[in-house]
N, C-alpha and C. Protein backbone atom coordinates (compact mmCIF):
# COMPACT_ATOMS: atom_id res chain seq x y z
N MET A 1 0.85 -1.18 0.00
CA MET A 1 0.00 0.00 0.00
C MET A 1 0.88 1.24 0.00
N LYS A 2 0.63 2.15 -0.95
CA LYS A 2 1.42 3.37 -1.07
C LYS A 2 0.96 4.42 -0.08
N LYS A 3 1.93 5.16 0.46
CA LYS A 3 1.61 6.28 1.33
C LYS A 3 1.09 7.44 0.50
N LYS A 4 0.27 8.28 1.16
CA LYS A 4 -0.31 9.43 0.46
C LYS A 4 0.13 10.72 1.14
N CYS A 5 0.15 11.79 0.38
CA CYS A 5 0.48 13.12 0.87
C CYS A 5 -0.52 13.52 1.96
N LEU A 6 -0.02 14.03 3.08
CA LEU A 6 -0.89 14.43 4.18
C LEU A 6 -1.81 15.59 3.82
N GLU A 7 -1.45 16.37 2.82
CA GLU A 7 -2.24 17.54 2.44
C GLU A 7 -3.23 17.24 1.33
N CYS A 8 -2.78 16.62 0.22
CA CYS A 8 -3.64 16.48 -0.96
C CYS A 8 -4.00 15.03 -1.29
N ASP A 9 -3.51 14.08 -0.53
CA ASP A 9 -3.80 12.64 -0.72
C ASP A 9 -3.27 12.06 -2.03
N GLU A 10 -2.34 12.74 -2.68
CA GLU A 10 -1.69 12.18 -3.87
C GLU A 10 -0.71 11.08 -3.44
N PRO A 11 -0.52 10.05 -4.25
CA PRO A 11 0.45 9.01 -3.90
C PRO A 11 1.87 9.59 -3.85
N LEU A 12 2.67 9.11 -2.90
CA LEU A 12 4.03 9.61 -2.73
C LEU A 12 5.04 8.69 -3.40
N ASN A 13 6.01 9.30 -4.05
CA ASN A 13 7.12 8.57 -4.66
C ASN A 13 8.41 9.03 -4.00
N GLY A 14 9.36 8.11 -3.85
CA GLY A 14 10.64 8.51 -3.31
C GLY A 14 10.91 7.88 -1.97
N ARG A 15 11.44 8.65 -1.06
CA ARG A 15 11.87 8.15 0.24
C ARG A 15 10.72 7.50 1.02
N VAL A 16 11.08 6.57 1.86
CA VAL A 16 10.11 5.83 2.66
C VAL A 16 9.44 6.73 3.70
N ASP A 17 10.19 7.70 4.24
CA ASP A 17 9.66 8.56 5.29
C ASP A 17 9.05 9.87 4.76
N LYS A 18 8.84 9.95 3.48
CA LYS A 18 8.29 11.15 2.86
C LYS A 18 6.82 11.33 3.28
N LYS A 19 6.42 12.57 3.60
CA LYS A 19 5.06 12.85 4.05
C LYS A 19 4.26 13.72 3.08
N PHE A 20 4.97 14.49 2.25
CA PHE A 20 4.31 15.43 1.35
C PHE A 20 4.84 15.27 -0.07
N CYS A 21 3.99 15.58 -1.04
CA CYS A 21 4.40 15.44 -2.44
C CYS A 21 5.18 16.65 -2.94
N SER A 22 5.05 17.80 -2.24
CA SER A 22 5.74 19.01 -2.69
C SER A 22 5.93 19.97 -1.52
N ASP A 23 6.77 20.98 -1.76
CA ASP A 23 6.96 22.03 -0.75
C ASP A 23 5.66 22.79 -0.52
N TYR A 24 4.89 22.99 -1.58
CA TYR A 24 3.61 23.69 -1.44
C TYR A 24 2.69 22.97 -0.46
N CYS A 25 2.56 21.65 -0.62
CA CYS A 25 1.70 20.87 0.28
C CYS A 25 2.25 20.87 1.71
N ARG A 26 3.54 20.77 1.86
CA ARG A 26 4.15 20.80 3.20
C ARG A 26 3.87 22.13 3.88
N ASN A 27 4.08 23.23 3.16
CA ASN A 27 3.81 24.56 3.73
C ASN A 27 2.33 24.76 4.05
N SER A 28 1.48 24.34 3.15
CA SER A 28 0.04 24.49 3.33
C SER A 28 -0.43 23.71 4.56
N TYR A 29 0.03 22.48 4.69
CA TYR A 29 -0.32 21.63 5.83
C TYR A 29 0.16 22.26 7.14
N ASN A 30 1.42 22.68 7.20
CA ASN A 30 1.97 23.26 8.42
C ASN A 30 1.32 24.59 8.78
N ASN A 31 0.94 25.37 7.78
CA ASN A 31 0.23 26.63 8.05
C ASN A 31 -1.13 26.37 8.69
N LYS A 32 -1.83 25.33 8.23
CA LYS A 32 -3.12 24.98 8.82
C LYS A 32 -2.95 24.48 10.25
N VAL A 33 -1.96 23.65 10.47
CA VAL A 33 -1.72 23.07 11.80
C VAL A 33 -1.36 24.16 12.81
N ASN A 34 -0.54 25.12 12.41
CA ASN A 34 -0.04 26.15 13.33
C ASN A 34 -0.83 27.44 13.32
N LYS A 35 -1.96 27.46 12.63
CA LYS A 35 -2.70 28.70 12.43
C LYS A 35 -3.10 29.38 13.74
N GLU A 36 -3.69 28.65 14.68
CA GLU A 36 -4.18 29.27 15.91
C GLU A 36 -3.06 29.85 16.76
N SER A 37 -1.98 29.09 16.94
CA SER A 37 -0.88 29.60 17.77
C SER A 37 -0.20 30.79 17.10
N LYS A 38 -0.08 30.76 15.78
CA LYS A 38 0.52 31.89 15.06
C LYS A 38 -0.36 33.12 15.15
N ASN A 39 -1.69 32.93 15.09
CA ASN A 39 -2.60 34.07 15.21
C ASN A 39 -2.49 34.72 16.58
N LEU A 40 -2.38 33.92 17.63
CA LEU A 40 -2.23 34.46 18.97
C LEU A 40 -0.96 35.29 19.07
N ILE A 41 0.14 34.75 18.61
CA ILE A 41 1.42 35.46 18.66
C ILE A 41 1.36 36.73 17.80
N ARG A 42 0.79 36.64 16.63
CA ARG A 42 0.69 37.79 15.74
C ARG A 42 -0.14 38.90 16.39
N ASN A 43 -1.26 38.53 17.02
CA ASN A 43 -2.12 39.53 17.65
C ASN A 43 -1.43 40.20 18.84
N ILE A 44 -0.70 39.43 19.63
CA ILE A 44 0.03 40.01 20.76
C ILE A 44 1.13 40.94 20.26
N ASN A 45 1.88 40.52 19.26
CA ASN A 45 2.93 41.37 18.70
C ASN A 45 2.36 42.66 18.12
N ASN A 46 1.21 42.58 17.46
CA ASN A 46 0.57 43.78 16.92
C ASN A 46 0.17 44.73 18.05
N ARG A 47 -0.36 44.19 19.15
CA ARG A 47 -0.74 45.02 20.29
C ARG A 47 0.48 45.69 20.92
N LEU A 48 1.58 44.94 21.05
CA LEU A 48 2.82 45.50 21.60
C LEU A 48 3.35 46.62 20.70
N ARG A 49 3.29 46.41 19.39
CA ARG A 49 3.76 47.42 18.44
C ARG A 49 2.91 48.70 18.55
N LYS A 50 1.59 48.53 18.66
CA LYS A 50 0.71 49.70 18.79
C LYS A 50 1.01 50.46 20.08
N ASN A 51 1.15 49.73 21.18
CA ASN A 51 1.47 50.39 22.45
C ASN A 51 2.80 51.13 22.37
N HIS A 52 3.80 50.51 21.75
CA HIS A 52 5.12 51.14 21.60
C HIS A 52 5.00 52.42 20.78
N LYS A 53 4.24 52.37 19.71
CA LYS A 53 4.07 53.55 18.86
C LYS A 53 3.39 54.69 19.63
N ILE A 54 2.38 54.36 20.42
CA ILE A 54 1.68 55.38 21.21
C ILE A 54 2.66 56.05 22.16
N LEU A 55 3.45 55.26 22.87
CA LEU A 55 4.43 55.83 23.80
C LEU A 55 5.48 56.66 23.06
N SER A 56 5.97 56.16 21.94
CA SER A 56 6.98 56.89 21.15
C SER A 56 6.45 58.22 20.65
N ASP A 57 5.21 58.23 20.18
CA ASP A 57 4.61 59.46 19.65
C ASP A 57 4.40 60.50 20.76
N LEU A 58 4.02 60.04 21.94
CA LEU A 58 3.77 60.97 23.05
C LEU A 58 5.05 61.41 23.75
N ASN A 59 6.12 60.64 23.59
CA ASN A 59 7.36 60.90 24.33
C ASN A 59 8.50 61.27 23.39
N GLU A 60 8.37 62.39 22.72
CA GLU A 60 9.39 62.81 21.75
C GLU A 60 10.68 63.26 22.42
N SER A 61 10.60 63.80 23.63
CA SER A 61 11.78 64.36 24.29
C SER A 61 12.56 63.32 25.09
N GLY A 62 11.99 62.14 25.32
CA GLY A 62 12.68 61.13 26.11
C GLY A 62 12.18 61.06 27.54
N LYS A 63 11.49 62.09 27.99
CA LYS A 63 10.92 62.11 29.34
C LYS A 63 9.73 63.07 29.33
N THR A 64 8.52 62.53 29.51
CA THR A 64 7.31 63.33 29.39
C THR A 64 6.29 62.87 30.42
N LYS A 65 5.43 63.78 30.83
CA LYS A 65 4.35 63.46 31.75
C LYS A 65 3.03 63.60 30.98
N VAL A 66 2.20 62.54 31.01
CA VAL A 66 0.90 62.57 30.31
C VAL A 66 -0.19 62.01 31.21
N THR A 67 -1.43 62.27 30.82
CA THR A 67 -2.56 61.75 31.58
C THR A 67 -2.96 60.37 31.05
N ARG A 68 -3.65 59.63 31.88
CA ARG A 68 -4.17 58.32 31.48
C ARG A 68 -5.12 58.47 30.28
N THR A 69 -5.91 59.54 30.31
CA THR A 69 -6.85 59.79 29.22
C THR A 69 -6.14 59.93 27.88
N LYS A 70 -5.01 60.60 27.88
CA LYS A 70 -4.25 60.78 26.64
C LYS A 70 -3.77 59.44 26.10
N LEU A 71 -3.33 58.55 26.99
CA LEU A 71 -2.92 57.21 26.56
C LEU A 71 -4.11 56.42 26.04
N LEU A 72 -5.22 56.49 26.74
CA LEU A 72 -6.42 55.75 26.33
C LEU A 72 -7.00 56.30 25.03
N ASP A 73 -6.84 57.59 24.78
CA ASP A 73 -7.31 58.18 23.52
C ASP A 73 -6.61 57.54 22.32
N GLY A 74 -5.37 57.11 22.52
CA GLY A 74 -4.63 56.43 21.46
C GLY A 74 -4.86 54.93 21.46
N ASN A 75 -5.81 54.46 22.28
CA ASN A 75 -6.12 53.03 22.43
C ASN A 75 -4.97 52.24 23.07
N PHE A 76 -4.26 52.85 23.98
CA PHE A 76 -3.20 52.17 24.71
C PHE A 76 -3.82 51.07 25.57
N ASP A 77 -3.21 49.89 25.57
CA ASP A 77 -3.70 48.75 26.36
C ASP A 77 -2.69 48.46 27.46
N PHE A 78 -3.06 48.73 28.70
CA PHE A 78 -2.15 48.58 29.83
C PHE A 78 -1.84 47.12 30.17
N ASN A 79 -2.53 46.18 29.55
CA ASN A 79 -2.30 44.75 29.81
C ASN A 79 -1.10 44.20 29.05
N TYR A 80 -0.57 44.94 28.08
CA TYR A 80 0.52 44.44 27.24
C TYR A 80 1.77 45.29 27.41
N PHE A 81 2.84 44.66 27.86
CA PHE A 81 4.15 45.29 28.00
C PHE A 81 5.19 44.18 27.94
N THR A 82 6.45 44.55 27.72
CA THR A 82 7.48 43.53 27.54
C THR A 82 8.28 43.24 28.78
N SER A 83 8.37 44.20 29.71
CA SER A 83 9.12 43.95 30.95
C SER A 83 8.71 44.92 32.04
N ILE A 84 9.08 44.56 33.27
CA ILE A 84 8.81 45.39 34.43
C ILE A 84 10.13 45.62 35.15
N TYR A 85 10.34 46.86 35.59
CA TYR A 85 11.54 47.19 36.35
C TYR A 85 11.11 47.89 37.64
N THR A 86 11.53 47.34 38.78
CA THR A 86 11.23 47.95 40.07
C THR A 86 12.51 48.53 40.65
N THR A 87 12.45 49.81 40.99
CA THR A 87 13.63 50.49 41.54
C THR A 87 13.80 50.14 43.02
N LYS A 88 14.94 50.54 43.58
CA LYS A 88 15.20 50.31 45.00
C LYS A 88 14.21 51.05 45.89
N THR A 89 13.68 52.15 45.37
CA THR A 89 12.69 52.93 46.14
C THR A 89 11.27 52.38 46.01
N GLY A 90 11.09 51.36 45.20
CA GLY A 90 9.79 50.72 45.06
C GLY A 90 8.95 51.18 43.89
N ASN A 91 9.47 52.07 43.04
CA ASN A 91 8.74 52.50 41.85
C ASN A 91 8.78 51.39 40.80
N THR A 92 7.64 51.11 40.20
CA THR A 92 7.56 50.06 39.19
C THR A 92 7.33 50.68 37.81
N TYR A 93 8.31 50.49 36.94
CA TYR A 93 8.24 50.96 35.55
C TYR A 93 7.81 49.79 34.66
N PHE A 94 6.92 50.07 33.74
CA PHE A 94 6.48 49.08 32.76
C PHE A 94 7.09 49.48 31.41
N TYR A 95 7.73 48.52 30.74
CA TYR A 95 8.43 48.81 29.48
C TYR A 95 7.82 48.09 28.30
N LEU A 96 7.86 48.79 27.18
CA LEU A 96 7.60 48.21 25.87
C LEU A 96 8.88 48.44 25.09
N TYR A 97 9.74 47.43 25.15
CA TYR A 97 11.06 47.51 24.55
C TYR A 97 11.85 48.66 25.18
N ASP A 98 12.07 49.76 24.46
CA ASP A 98 12.86 50.87 25.01
C ASP A 98 12.00 51.99 25.59
N GLN A 99 10.69 51.92 25.42
CA GLN A 99 9.78 52.94 25.94
C GLN A 99 9.14 52.43 27.24
N GLY A 100 9.16 53.28 28.27
CA GLY A 100 8.60 52.87 29.54
C GLY A 100 7.65 53.90 30.11
N TYR A 101 6.85 53.45 31.09
CA TYR A 101 5.96 54.38 31.77
C TYR A 101 5.88 54.02 33.25
N LEU A 102 5.71 55.05 34.05
CA LEU A 102 5.60 54.92 35.49
C LEU A 102 4.28 55.55 35.93
N PRO A 103 3.39 54.76 36.53
CA PRO A 103 2.15 55.35 37.03
C PRO A 103 2.44 56.33 38.18
N LEU A 104 1.87 57.53 38.09
CA LEU A 104 2.01 58.56 39.12
C LEU A 104 0.66 58.81 39.78
N GLU A 105 0.59 59.79 40.63
CA GLU A 105 -0.67 60.13 41.28
C GLU A 105 -1.59 60.87 40.32
N ASN A 106 -2.89 60.87 40.66
CA ASN A 106 -3.91 61.61 39.91
C ASN A 106 -3.99 61.22 38.44
N ASP A 107 -3.85 59.95 38.13
CA ASP A 107 -3.95 59.42 36.75
C ASP A 107 -2.94 60.04 35.79
N TYR A 108 -1.76 60.36 36.29
CA TYR A 108 -0.68 60.82 35.43
C TYR A 108 0.34 59.69 35.26
N TYR A 109 1.05 59.75 34.15
CA TYR A 109 2.10 58.76 33.86
C TYR A 109 3.35 59.48 33.40
N LEU A 110 4.48 59.03 33.90
CA LEU A 110 5.77 59.52 33.44
C LEU A 110 6.24 58.59 32.34
N LEU A 111 6.44 59.13 31.15
CA LEU A 111 6.95 58.34 30.02
C LEU A 111 8.44 58.57 29.92
N ILE A 112 9.19 57.48 29.77
CA ILE A 112 10.64 57.60 29.64
C ILE A 112 11.13 56.70 28.52
N LYS A 113 12.29 57.06 27.99
CA LYS A 113 12.92 56.23 26.96
C LYS A 113 14.24 55.74 27.51
N LYS A 114 14.42 54.42 27.45
CA LYS A 114 15.67 53.81 27.92
C LYS A 114 16.75 54.03 26.86
N GLU A 115 17.88 54.53 27.26
CA GLU A 115 18.97 54.82 26.31
C GLU A 115 19.84 53.62 26.09
């Protein structure tokens, strides 16, 4: 009994351990199998990129103070960041790559750029 391509069910010729008849079928099969996990990663990366752009646009000087409303107006999502840094004094900075923010009092945020 001949083995068949996992994607298109065409009979396979060649090596005994061959699973696909062509690169196209191999790529198509693997794209279907990995679709959900790739979509999750793609969506998270897109959200991180948007957040980074919002911080970059608002923080042209490298150190700026803005309101929470201004961040939310740009659709900033506080649930997505790449790292957290806590200082010796207990201040917690949230970073998106090189752009960071520190929550202050009265719904203000200090935006900083890591050099």
